[in-house]
Amino acid sequence: REAAYRKVAEARIRAVIPLDPALLNQPVAKREEPRVAF
């Protein structure tokens, strides 16, 4: 609701450079991997 905070936030976010998506890929959790019978 505060205009002064919004102004700062806009400028701050505008300057952010996203990370390479390859650095953020999460491996499948072991408990979520497909079951394999022996």
Full PDB file with SEQRES, HELIX, SHEET, SSBOND, CRYST1, ORIGX, SCALE, CONECT and MASTER records, all heavy atoms in Angstrom:
SEQRES   1 A   38  ARG GLU ALA ALA TYR ARG LYS VAL ALA GLU ALA ARG ILE          
SEQRES   2 A   38  ARG ALA VAL ILE PRO LEU ASP PRO ALA LEU LEU ASN GLN          
SEQRES   3 A   38  PRO VAL ALA LYS ARG GLU GLU PRO ARG VAL ALA PHE              
HELIX    1 AA1 ALA A    3  ARG A   14  1                                  12    
HELIX    2 AA2 PRO A   21  LEU A   23  5                                   3    
HELIX    3 AA3 LYS A   30  GLU A   32  5                                   3    
CRYST1    1.000    1.000    1.000  90.00  90.00  90.00 P 1           1          
ORIGX1      1.000000  0.000000  0.000000        0.00000                         
ORIGX2      0.000000  1.000000  0.000000        0.00000                         
ORIGX3      0.000000  0.000000  1.000000        0.00000                         
SCALE1      1.000000  0.000000  0.000000        0.00000                         
SCALE2      0.000000  1.000000  0.000000        0.00000                         
SCALE3      0.000000  0.000000  1.000000        0.00000                         
ATOM      1  N   ARG A   1       0.802  -1.220   0.000  1.00  0.00           N  
ATOM      2  CA  ARG A   1       0.000   0.000   0.000  1.00  0.00           C  
ATOM      3  C   ARG A   1       0.838   1.275   0.000  1.00  0.00           C  
ATOM      4  O   ARG A   1       0.344   2.339  -0.383  1.00  0.00           O  
ATOM      5  CB  ARG A   1      -0.950   0.009   1.197  1.00  0.00           C  
ATOM      6  CG  ARG A   1      -0.308   0.316   2.524  1.00  0.00           C  
ATOM      7  CD  ARG A   1      -1.320   0.365   3.649  1.00  0.00           C  
ATOM      8  NE  ARG A   1      -0.777   1.020   4.831  1.00  0.00           N  
ATOM      9  CZ  ARG A   1      -1.455   1.194   5.957  1.00  0.00           C  
ATOM     10  NH1 ARG A   1      -2.701   0.744   6.049  1.00  0.00           N  
ATOM     11  NH2 ARG A   1      -0.897   1.809   6.979  1.00  0.00           N  
ATOM     12  N   GLU A   2       2.105   1.197   0.439  1.00  0.00           N  
ATOM     13  CA  GLU A   2       2.941   2.390   0.558  1.00  0.00           C  
ATOM     14  C   GLU A   2       3.648   2.670  -0.767  1.00  0.00           C  
ATOM     15  O   GLU A   2       4.453   1.868  -1.241  1.00  0.00           O  
ATOM     16  CB  GLU A   2       3.974   2.210   1.671  1.00  0.00           C  
ATOM     17  CG  GLU A   2       3.368   1.911   3.038  1.00  0.00           C  
ATOM     18  CD  GLU A   2       2.577   3.082   3.584  1.00  0.00           C  
ATOM     19  OE1 GLU A   2       2.942   4.246   3.268  1.00  0.00           O  
ATOM     20  OE2 GLU A   2       1.597   2.851   4.318  1.00  0.00           O  
ATOM     21  N   ALA A   3       3.361   3.823  -1.367  1.00  0.00           N  
ATOM     22  CA  ALA A   3       3.927   4.159  -2.674  1.00  0.00           C  
ATOM     23  C   ALA A   3       5.449   4.227  -2.640  1.00  0.00           C  
ATOM     24  O   ALA A   3       6.127   3.839  -3.604  1.00  0.00           O  
ATOM     25  CB  ALA A   3       3.354   5.492  -3.156  1.00  0.00           C  
ATOM     26  N   ALA A   4       6.026   4.716  -1.546  1.00  0.00           N  
ATOM     27  CA  ALA A   4       7.486   4.829  -1.460  1.00  0.00           C  
ATOM     28  C   ALA A   4       8.142   3.454  -1.522  1.00  0.00           C  
ATOM     29  O   ALA A   4       9.184   3.275  -2.163  1.00  0.00           O  
ATOM     30  CB  ALA A   4       7.874   5.546  -0.169  1.00  0.00           C  
ATOM     31  N   TYR A   5       7.542   2.470  -0.865  1.00  0.00           N  
ATOM     32  CA  TYR A   5       8.094   1.111  -0.898  1.00  0.00           C  
ATOM     33  C   TYR A   5       7.959   0.508  -2.294  1.00  0.00           C  
ATOM     34  O   TYR A   5       8.868  -0.164  -2.794  1.00  0.00           O  
ATOM     35  CB  TYR A   5       7.383   0.224   0.112  1.00  0.00           C  
ATOM     36  CG  TYR A   5       7.538   0.637   1.563  1.00  0.00           C  
ATOM     37  CD1 TYR A   5       6.653   0.165   2.528  1.00  0.00           C  
ATOM     38  CD2 TYR A   5       8.557   1.490   1.976  1.00  0.00           C  
ATOM     39  CE1 TYR A   5       6.777   0.525   3.869  1.00  0.00           C  
ATOM     40  CE2 TYR A   5       8.693   1.858   3.297  1.00  0.00           C  
ATOM     41  CZ  TYR A   5       7.796   1.379   4.244  1.00  0.00           C  
ATOM     42  OH  TYR A   5       7.922   1.738   5.554  1.00  0.00           O  
ATOM     43  N   ARG A   6       6.816   0.747  -2.933  1.00  0.00           N  
ATOM     44  CA  ARG A   6       6.614   0.207  -4.280  1.00  0.00           C  
ATOM     45  C   ARG A   6       7.648   0.755  -5.249  1.00  0.00           C  
ATOM     46  O   ARG A   6       8.176   0.019  -6.098  1.00  0.00           O  
ATOM     47  CB  ARG A   6       5.200   0.526  -4.774  1.00  0.00           C  
ATOM     48  CG  ARG A   6       4.083  -0.106  -3.977  1.00  0.00           C  
ATOM     49  CD  ARG A   6       2.759  -0.064  -4.731  1.00  0.00           C  
ATOM     50  NE  ARG A   6       2.343   1.279  -5.067  1.00  0.00           N  
ATOM     51  CZ  ARG A   6       1.520   2.029  -4.335  1.00  0.00           C  
ATOM     52  NH1 ARG A   6       1.040   1.561  -3.192  1.00  0.00           N  
ATOM     53  NH2 ARG A   6       1.164   3.239  -4.729  1.00  0.00           N  
ATOM     54  N   LYS A   7       7.952   2.031  -5.130  1.00  0.00           N  
ATOM     55  CA  LYS A   7       8.923   2.660  -6.028  1.00  0.00           C  
ATOM     56  C   LYS A   7      10.290   2.005  -5.879  1.00  0.00           C  
ATOM     57  O   LYS A   7      10.963   1.692  -6.876  1.00  0.00           O  
ATOM     58  CB  LYS A   7       9.013   4.153  -5.728  1.00  0.00           C  
ATOM     59  CG  LYS A   7       9.996   4.909  -6.611  1.00  0.00           C  
ATOM     60  CD  LYS A   7      10.019   6.396  -6.252  1.00  0.00           C  
ATOM     61  CE  LYS A   7      11.027   7.156  -7.113  1.00  0.00           C  
ATOM     62  NZ  LYS A   7      11.074   8.595  -6.750  1.00  0.00           N  
ATOM     63  N   VAL A   8      10.719   1.770  -4.649  1.00  0.00           N  
ATOM     64  CA  VAL A   8      12.004   1.121  -4.404  1.00  0.00           C  
ATOM     65  C   VAL A   8      11.987  -0.309  -4.921  1.00  0.00           C  
ATOM     66  O   VAL A   8      12.944  -0.783  -5.548  1.00  0.00           O  
ATOM     67  CB  VAL A   8      12.338   1.155  -2.901  1.00  0.00           C  
ATOM     68  CG1 VAL A   8      13.594   0.327  -2.607  1.00  0.00           C  
ATOM     69  CG2 VAL A   8      12.531   2.583  -2.418  1.00  0.00           C  
ATOM     70  N   ALA A   9      10.887  -1.015  -4.676  1.00  0.00           N  
ATOM     71  CA  ALA A   9      10.785  -2.412  -5.102  1.00  0.00           C  
ATOM     72  C   ALA A   9      10.862  -2.548  -6.614  1.00  0.00           C  
ATOM     73  O   ALA A   9      11.534  -3.446  -7.139  1.00  0.00           O  
ATOM     74  CB  ALA A   9       9.485  -3.014  -4.584  1.00  0.00           C  
ATOM     75  N   GLU A  10      10.181  -1.670  -7.328  1.00  0.00           N  
ATOM     76  CA  GLU A  10      10.195  -1.735  -8.785  1.00  0.00           C  
ATOM     77  C   GLU A  10      11.609  -1.595  -9.337  1.00  0.00           C  
ATOM     78  O   GLU A  10      12.040  -2.366 -10.204  1.00  0.00           O  
ATOM     79  CB  GLU A  10       9.299  -0.649  -9.370  1.00  0.00           C  
ATOM     80  CG  GLU A  10       7.823  -0.895  -9.183  1.00  0.00           C  
ATOM     81  CD  GLU A  10       7.000   0.236  -9.765  1.00  0.00           C  
ATOM     82  OE1 GLU A  10       7.377   1.410  -9.595  1.00  0.00           O  
ATOM     83  OE2 GLU A  10       5.982  -0.056 -10.404  1.00  0.00           O  
ATOM     84  N   ALA A  11      12.330  -0.587  -8.842  1.00  0.00           N  
ATOM     85  CA  ALA A  11      13.696  -0.361  -9.322  1.00  0.00           C  
ATOM     86  C   ALA A  11      14.594  -1.530  -8.956  1.00  0.00           C  
ATOM     87  O   ALA A  11      15.446  -1.956  -9.748  1.00  0.00           O  
ATOM     88  CB  ALA A  11      14.244   0.939  -8.726  1.00  0.00           C  
ATOM     89  N   ARG A  12      14.407  -2.053  -7.774  1.00  0.00           N  
ATOM     90  CA  ARG A  12      15.238  -3.175  -7.315  1.00  0.00           C  
ATOM     91  C   ARG A  12      15.030  -4.409  -8.181  1.00  0.00           C  
ATOM     92  O   ARG A  12      15.991  -5.050  -8.616  1.00  0.00           O  
ATOM     93  CB  ARG A  12      14.867  -3.480  -5.865  1.00  0.00           C  
ATOM     94  CG  ARG A  12      15.565  -4.686  -5.273  1.00  0.00           C  
ATOM     95  CD  ARG A  12      14.985  -4.985  -3.899  1.00  0.00           C  
ATOM     96  NE  ARG A  12      15.758  -5.964  -3.170  1.00  0.00           N  
ATOM     97  CZ  ARG A  12      15.448  -6.379  -1.944  1.00  0.00           C  
ATOM     98  NH1 ARG A  12      14.382  -5.886  -1.340  1.00  0.00           N  
ATOM     99  NH2 ARG A  12      16.194  -7.288  -1.337  1.00  0.00           N  
ATOM    100  N   ILE A  13      13.779  -4.761  -8.428  1.00  0.00           N  
ATOM    101  CA  ILE A  13      13.477  -5.970  -9.190  1.00  0.00           C  
ATOM    102  C   ILE A  13      13.889  -5.819 -10.646  1.00  0.00           C  
ATOM    103  O   ILE A  13      14.346  -6.769 -11.282  1.00  0.00           O  
ATOM    104  CB  ILE A  13      11.981  -6.305  -9.059  1.00  0.00           C  
ATOM    105  CG1 ILE A  13      11.664  -6.657  -7.601  1.00  0.00           C  
ATOM    106  CG2 ILE A  13      11.588  -7.455  -9.981  1.00  0.00           C  
ATOM    107  CD1 ILE A  13      10.193  -6.765  -7.299  1.00  0.00           C  
ATOM    108  N   ARG A  14      13.749  -4.615 -11.163  1.00  0.00           N  
ATOM    109  CA  ARG A  14      14.133  -4.369 -12.549  1.00  0.00           C  
ATOM    110  C   ARG A  14      15.611  -4.681 -12.780  1.00  0.00           C  
ATOM    111  O   ARG A  14      16.012  -5.093 -13.872  1.00  0.00           O  
ATOM    112  CB  ARG A  14      13.826  -2.915 -12.914  1.00  0.00           C  
ATOM    113  CG  ARG A  14      13.802  -2.626 -14.402  1.00  0.00           C  
ATOM    114  CD  ARG A  14      13.455  -1.160 -14.663  1.00  0.00           C  
ATOM    115  NE  ARG A  14      12.165  -0.806 -14.097  1.00  0.00           N  
ATOM    116  CZ  ARG A  14      11.969   0.111 -13.175  1.00  0.00           C  
ATOM    117  NH1 ARG A  14      12.995   0.794 -12.688  1.00  0.00           N  
ATOM    118  NH2 ARG A  14      10.757   0.383 -12.729  1.00  0.00           N  
ATOM    119  N   ALA A  15      16.436  -4.503 -11.766  1.00  0.00           N  
ATOM    120  CA  ALA A  15      17.882  -4.701 -11.907  1.00  0.00           C  
ATOM    121  C   ALA A  15      18.316  -6.150 -11.723  1.00  0.00           C  
ATOM    122  O   ALA A  15      19.475  -6.482 -11.971  1.00  0.00           O  
ATOM    123  CB  ALA A  15      18.612  -3.814 -10.902  1.00  0.00           C  
ATOM    124  N   VAL A  16      17.413  -7.019 -11.301  1.00  0.00           N  
ATOM    125  CA  VAL A  16      17.771  -8.415 -11.026  1.00  0.00           C  
ATOM    126  C   VAL A  16      17.958  -9.183 -12.330  1.00  0.00           C  
ATOM    127  O   VAL A  16      17.144  -9.083 -13.253  1.00  0.00           O  
ATOM    128  CB  VAL A  16      16.695  -9.095 -10.163  1.00  0.00           C  
ATOM    129  CG1 VAL A  16      16.966 -10.595 -10.043  1.00  0.00           C  
ATOM    130  CG2 VAL A  16      16.645  -8.453  -8.785  1.00  0.00           C  
ATOM    131  N   ILE A  17      19.016  -9.970 -12.395  1.00  0.00           N  
ATOM    132  CA  ILE A  17      19.286 -10.843 -13.546  1.00  0.00           C  
ATOM    133  C   ILE A  17      18.990 -12.283 -13.131  1.00  0.00           C  
ATOM    134  O   ILE A  17      19.608 -12.799 -12.194  1.00  0.00           O  
ATOM    135  CB  ILE A  17      20.743 -10.720 -14.018  1.00  0.00           C  
ATOM    136  CG1 ILE A  17      21.040  -9.284 -14.442  1.00  0.00           C  
ATOM    137  CG2 ILE A  17      21.025 -11.693 -15.165  1.00  0.00           C  
ATOM    138  CD1 ILE A  17      22.500  -9.047 -14.805  1.00  0.00           C  
ATOM    139  N   PRO A  18      18.042 -12.946 -13.772  1.00  0.00           N  
ATOM    140  CA  PRO A  18      17.715 -14.320 -13.401  1.00  0.00           C  
ATOM    141  C   PRO A  18      18.902 -15.262 -13.603  1.00  0.00           C  
ATOM    142  O   PRO A  18      19.719 -15.074 -14.502  1.00  0.00           O  
ATOM    143  CB  PRO A  18      16.549 -14.683 -14.328  1.00  0.00           C  
ATOM    144  CG  PRO A  18      15.996 -13.366 -14.785  1.00  0.00           C  
ATOM    145  CD  PRO A  18      17.156 -12.431 -14.834  1.00  0.00           C  
ATOM    146  N   LEU A  19      18.965 -16.287 -12.760  1.00  0.00           N  
ATOM    147  CA  LEU A  19      20.001 -17.296 -12.900  1.00  0.00           C  
ATOM    148  C   LEU A  19      19.711 -18.198 -14.095  1.00  0.00           C  
ATOM    149  O   LEU A  19      18.574 -18.321 -14.553  1.00  0.00           O  
ATOM    150  CB  LEU A  19      20.087 -18.142 -11.633  1.00  0.00           C  
ATOM    151  CG  LEU A  19      20.607 -17.450 -10.368  1.00  0.00           C  
ATOM    152  CD1 LEU A  19      20.472 -18.376  -9.163  1.00  0.00           C  
ATOM    153  CD2 LEU A  19      22.059 -17.032 -10.548  1.00  0.00           C  
ATOM    154  N   ASP A  20      20.754 -18.843 -14.584  1.00  0.00           N  
ATOM    155  CA  ASP A  20      20.607 -19.823 -15.653  1.00  0.00           C  
ATOM    156  C   ASP A  20      19.668 -20.926 -15.170  1.00  0.00           C  
ATOM    157  O   ASP A  20      19.901 -21.527 -14.116  1.00  0.00           O  
ATOM    158  CB  ASP A  20      21.978 -20.417 -15.989  1.00  0.00           C  
ATOM    159  CG  ASP A  20      21.940 -21.397 -17.143  1.00  0.00           C  
ATOM    160  OD1 ASP A  20      20.845 -21.862 -17.513  1.00  0.00           O  
ATOM    161  OD2 ASP A  20      23.016 -21.732 -17.673  1.00  0.00           O  
ATOM    162  N   PRO A  21      18.585 -21.207 -15.896  1.00  0.00           N  
ATOM    163  CA  PRO A  21      17.635 -22.244 -15.456  1.00  0.00           C  
ATOM    164  C   PRO A  21      18.286 -23.589 -15.186  1.00  0.00           C  
ATOM    165  O   PRO A  21      17.813 -24.355 -14.337  1.00  0.00           O  
ATOM    166  CB  PRO A  21      16.645 -22.335 -16.627  1.00  0.00           C  
ATOM    167  CG  PRO A  21      16.709 -20.989 -17.274  1.00  0.00           C  
ATOM    168  CD  PRO A  21      18.136 -20.539 -17.134  1.00  0.00           C  
ATOM    169  N   ALA A  22      19.384 -23.892 -15.879  1.00  0.00           N  
ATOM    170  CA  ALA A  22      20.053 -25.178 -15.670  1.00  0.00           C  
ATOM    171  C   ALA A  22      20.578 -25.313 -14.242  1.00  0.00           C  
ATOM    172  O   ALA A  22      20.740 -26.430 -13.732  1.00  0.00           O  
ATOM    173  CB  ALA A  22      21.196 -25.341 -16.663  1.00  0.00           C  
ATOM    174  N   LEU A  23      20.855 -24.181 -13.590  1.00  0.00           N  
ATOM    175  CA  LEU A  23      21.355 -24.226 -12.220  1.00  0.00           C  
ATOM    176  C   LEU A  23      20.258 -24.501 -11.210  1.00  0.00           C  
ATOM    177  O   LEU A  23      20.546 -24.792 -10.042  1.00  0.00           O  
ATOM    178  CB  LEU A  23      22.030 -22.891 -11.862  1.00  0.00           C  
ATOM    179  CG  LEU A  23      23.266 -22.500 -12.670  1.00  0.00           C  
ATOM    180  CD1 LEU A  23      23.733 -21.106 -12.270  1.00  0.00           C  
ATOM    181  CD2 LEU A  23      24.383 -23.520 -12.464  1.00  0.00           C  
ATOM    182  N   LEU A  24      19.003 -24.417 -11.653  1.00  0.00           N  
ATOM    183  CA  LEU A  24      17.881 -24.512 -10.721  1.00  0.00           C  
ATOM    184  C   LEU A  24      17.073 -25.790 -10.873  1.00  0.00           C  
ATOM    185  O   LEU A  24      16.128 -26.019 -10.120  1.00  0.00           O  
ATOM    186  CB  LEU A  24      16.955 -23.305 -10.904  1.00  0.00           C  
ATOM    187  CG  LEU A  24      17.618 -21.941 -10.671  1.00  0.00           C  
ATOM    188  CD1 LEU A  24      16.695 -20.824 -11.113  1.00  0.00           C  
ATOM    189  CD2 LEU A  24      17.990 -21.778  -9.204  1.00  0.00           C  
ATOM    190  N   ASN A  25      17.430 -26.624 -11.848  1.00  0.00           N  
ATOM    191  CA  ASN A  25      16.696 -27.875 -12.032  1.00  0.00           C  
ATOM    192  C   ASN A  25      16.916 -28.783 -10.830  1.00  0.00           C  
ATOM    193  O   ASN A  25      18.045 -29.017 -10.404  1.00  0.00           O  
ATOM    194  CB  ASN A  25      17.161 -28.589 -13.307  1.00  0.00           C  
ATOM    195  CG  ASN A  25      16.754 -27.838 -14.561  1.00  0.00           C  
ATOM    196  OD1 ASN A  25      15.771 -27.098 -14.550  1.00  0.00           O  
ATOM    197  ND2 ASN A  25      17.504 -28.022 -15.638  1.00  0.00           N  
ATOM    198  N   GLN A  26      15.825 -29.291 -10.291  1.00  0.00           N  
ATOM    199  CA  GLN A  26      15.898 -30.179  -9.139  1.00  0.00           C  
ATOM    200  C   GLN A  26      15.855 -31.633  -9.606  1.00  0.00           C  
ATOM    201  O   GLN A  26      14.981 -32.003 -10.399  1.00  0.00           O  
ATOM    202  CB  GLN A  26      14.728 -29.923  -8.183  1.00  0.00           C  
ATOM    203  CG  GLN A  26      14.796 -28.592  -7.454  1.00  0.00           C  
ATOM    204  CD  GLN A  26      15.842 -28.597  -6.344  1.00  0.00           C  
ATOM    205  OE1 GLN A  26      16.435 -29.624  -6.027  1.00  0.00           O  
ATOM    206  NE2 GLN A  26      16.080 -27.439  -5.763  1.00  0.00           N  
ATOM    207  N   PRO A  27      16.782 -32.477  -9.139  1.00  0.00           N  
ATOM    208  CA  PRO A  27      16.675 -33.898  -9.463  1.00  0.00           C  
ATOM    209  C   PRO A  27      15.424 -34.487  -8.823  1.00  0.00           C  
ATOM    210  O   PRO A  27      14.930 -33.987  -7.808  1.00  0.00           O  
ATOM    211  CB  PRO A  27      17.950 -34.492  -8.843  1.00  0.00           C  
ATOM    212  CG  PRO A  27      18.323 -33.536  -7.751  1.00  0.00           C  
ATOM    213  CD  PRO A  27      17.910 -32.175  -8.245  1.00  0.00           C  
ATOM    214  N   VAL A  28      14.932 -35.543  -9.429  1.00  0.00           N  
ATOM    215  CA  VAL A  28      13.746 -36.198  -8.881  1.00  0.00           C  
ATOM    216  C   VAL A  28      14.085 -36.781  -7.514  1.00  0.00           C  
ATOM    217  O   VAL A  28      15.099 -37.467  -7.344  1.00  0.00           O  
ATOM    218  CB  VAL A  28      13.259 -37.316  -9.829  1.00  0.00           C  
ATOM    219  CG1 VAL A  28      12.058 -38.041  -9.233  1.00  0.00           C  
ATOM    220  CG2 VAL A  28      12.912 -36.734 -11.196  1.00  0.00           C  
ATOM    221  N   ALA A  29      13.271 -36.500  -6.528  1.00  0.00           N  
ATOM    222  CA  ALA A  29      13.490 -37.057  -5.190  1.00  0.00           C  
ATOM    223  C   ALA A  29      13.390 -38.572  -5.245  1.00  0.00           C  
ATOM    224  O   ALA A  29      12.596 -39.140  -6.008  1.00  0.00           O  
ATOM    225  CB  ALA A  29      12.461 -36.492  -4.216  1.00  0.00           C  
ATOM    226  N   LYS A  30      14.201 -39.238  -4.445  1.00  0.00           N  
ATOM    227  CA  LYS A  30      14.232 -40.699  -4.475  1.00  0.00           C  
ATOM    228  C   LYS A  30      12.863 -41.303  -4.227  1.00  0.00           C  
ATOM    229  O   LYS A  30      12.478 -42.292  -4.853  1.00  0.00           O  
ATOM    230  CB  LYS A  30      15.237 -41.209  -3.450  1.00  0.00           C  
ATOM    231  CG  LYS A  30      16.688 -40.927  -3.824  1.00  0.00           C  
ATOM    232  CD  LYS A  30      17.660 -41.550  -2.823  1.00  0.00           C  
ATOM    233  CE  LYS A  30      19.099 -41.310  -3.254  1.00  0.00           C  
ATOM    234  NZ  LYS A  30      20.064 -41.908  -2.298  1.00  0.00           N  
ATOM    235  N   ARG A  31      12.113 -40.715  -3.308  1.00  0.00           N  
ATOM    236  CA  ARG A  31      10.800 -41.273  -2.997  1.00  0.00           C  
ATOM    237  C   ARG A  31       9.804 -41.075  -4.126  1.00  0.00           C  
ATOM    238  O   ARG A  31       8.733 -41.699  -4.131  1.00  0.00           O  
ATOM    239  CB  ARG A  31      10.262 -40.653  -1.704  1.00  0.00           C  
ATOM    240  CG  ARG A  31       9.911 -39.191  -1.798  1.00  0.00           C  
ATOM    241  CD  ARG A  31       9.435 -38.640  -0.464  1.00  0.00           C  
ATOM    242  NE  ARG A  31      10.485 -38.715   0.541  1.00  0.00           N  
ATOM    243  CZ  ARG A  31      10.311 -38.402   1.826  1.00  0.00           C  
ATOM    244  NH1 ARG A  31       9.123 -38.023   2.244  1.00  0.00           N  
ATOM    245  NH2 ARG A  31      11.308 -38.465   2.677  1.00  0.00           N  
ATOM    246  N   GLU A  32      10.132 -40.181  -5.089  1.00  0.00           N  
ATOM    247  CA  GLU A  32       9.245 -39.930  -6.215  1.00  0.00           C  
ATOM    248  C   GLU A  32       9.674 -40.671  -7.471  1.00  0.00           C  
ATOM    249  O   GLU A  32       8.984 -40.604  -8.490  1.00  0.00           O  
ATOM    250  CB  GLU A  32       9.179 -38.426  -6.494  1.00  0.00           C  
ATOM    251  CG  GLU A  32       8.584 -37.623  -5.342  1.00  0.00           C  
ATOM    252  CD  GLU A  32       8.623 -36.130  -5.600  1.00  0.00           C  
ATOM    253  OE1 GLU A  32       9.141 -35.742  -6.666  1.00  0.00           O  
ATOM    254  OE2 GLU A  32       8.168 -35.366  -4.738  1.00  0.00           O  
ATOM    255  N   GLU A  33      10.805 -41.356  -7.418  1.00  0.00           N  
ATOM    256  CA  GLU A  33      11.260 -42.112  -8.582  1.00  0.00           C  
ATOM    257  C   GLU A  33      10.374 -43.339  -8.794  1.00  0.00           C  
ATOM    258  O   GLU A  33       9.800 -43.883  -7.840  1.00  0.00           O  
ATOM    259  CB  GLU A  33      12.713 -42.545  -8.385  1.00  0.00           C  
ATOM    260  CG  GLU A  33      13.705 -41.400  -8.425  1.00  0.00           C  
ATOM    261  CD  GLU A  33      15.138 -41.863  -8.227  1.00  0.00           C  
ATOM    262  OE1 GLU A  33      15.363 -42.774  -7.401  1.00  0.00           O  
ATOM    263  OE2 GLU A  33      16.030 -41.318  -8.889  1.00  0.00           O  
ATOM    264  N   PRO A  34      10.233 -43.794 -10.037  1.00  0.00           N  
ATOM    265  CA  PRO A  34       9.378 -44.959 -10.295  1.00  0.00           C  
ATOM    266  C   PRO A  34       9.909 -46.211  -9.598  1.00  0.00           C  
ATOM    267  O   PRO A  34      11.116 -46.423  -9.495  1.00  0.00           O  
ATOM    268  CB  PRO A  34       9.437 -45.102 -11.826  1.00  0.00           C  
ATOM    269  CG  PRO A  34      10.681 -44.376 -12.243  1.00  0.00           C  
ATOM    270  CD  PRO A  34      10.848 -43.265 -11.263  1.00  0.00           C  
ATOM    271  N   ARG A  35       8.990 -46.999  -9.092  1.00  0.00           N  
ATOM    272  CA  ARG A  35       9.374 -48.236  -8.402  1.00  0.00           C  
ATOM    273  C   ARG A  35       9.907 -49.248  -9.411  1.00  0.00           C  
ATOM    274  O   ARG A  35       9.380 -49.392 -10.517  1.00  0.00           O  
ATOM    275  CB  ARG A  35       8.188 -48.821  -7.647  1.00  0.00           C  
ATOM    276  CG  ARG A  35       7.692 -47.939  -6.508  1.00  0.00           C  
ATOM    277  CD  ARG A  35       6.538 -48.601  -5.779  1.00  0.00           C  
ATOM    278  NE  ARG A  35       6.944 -49.836  -5.126  1.00  0.00           N  
ATOM    279  CZ  ARG A  35       7.472 -49.916  -3.908  1.00  0.00           C  
ATOM    280  NH1 ARG A  35       7.674 -48.798  -3.215  1.00  0.00           N  
ATOM    281  NH2 ARG A  35       7.800 -51.069  -3.389  1.00  0.00           N  
ATOM    282  N   VAL A  36      10.936 -49.946  -9.008  1.00  0.00           N  
ATOM    283  CA  VAL A  36      11.536 -50.986  -9.842  1.00  0.00           C  
ATOM    284  C   VAL A  36      11.655 -52.252  -8.999  1.00  0.00           C  
ATOM    285  O   VAL A  36      12.248 -52.225  -7.915  1.00  0.00           O  
ATOM    286  CB  VAL A  36      12.929 -50.566 -10.355  1.00  0.00           C  
ATOM    287  CG1 VAL A  36      13.595 -51.725 -11.109  1.00  0.00           C  
ATOM    288  CG2 VAL A  36      12.825 -49.348 -11.254  1.00  0.00           C  
ATOM    289  N   ALA A  37      11.095 -53.328  -9.480  1.00  0.00           N  
ATOM    290  CA  ALA A  37      11.200 -54.604  -8.777  1.00  0.00           C  
ATOM    291  C   ALA A  37      12.547 -55.254  -9.059  1.00  0.00           C  
ATOM    292  O   ALA A  37      13.115 -55.091 -10.150  1.00  0.00           O  
ATOM    293  CB  ALA A  37      10.068 -55.532  -9.204  1.00  0.00           C  
ATOM    294  N   PHE A  38      13.060 -55.991  -8.085  1.00  0.00           N  
ATOM    295  CA  PHE A  38      14.337 -56.673  -8.299  1.00  0.00           C  
ATOM    296  C   PHE A  38      14.245 -57.647  -9.473  1.00  0.00           C  
ATOM    297  O   PHE A  38      15.210 -57.833 -10.222  1.00  0.00           O  
ATOM    298  CB  PHE A  38      14.760 -57.406  -7.018  1.00  0.00           C  
ATOM    299  CG  PHE A  38      16.064 -58.134  -7.140  1.00  0.00           C  
ATOM    300  CD1 PHE A  38      17.261 -57.441  -7.297  1.00  0.00           C  
ATOM    301  CD2 PHE A  38      16.106 -59.524  -7.114  1.00  0.00           C  
ATOM    302  CE1 PHE A  38      18.466 -58.111  -7.423  1.00  0.00           C  
ATOM    303  CE2 PHE A  38      17.315 -60.205  -7.233  1.00  0.00           C  
ATOM    304  CZ  PHE A  38      18.495 -59.491  -7.390  1.00  0.00           C  
TER     305      PHE A  38                                                      
MASTER        0    0    0    3    0    0    0    6  304    1    0    3          
END                                                                             
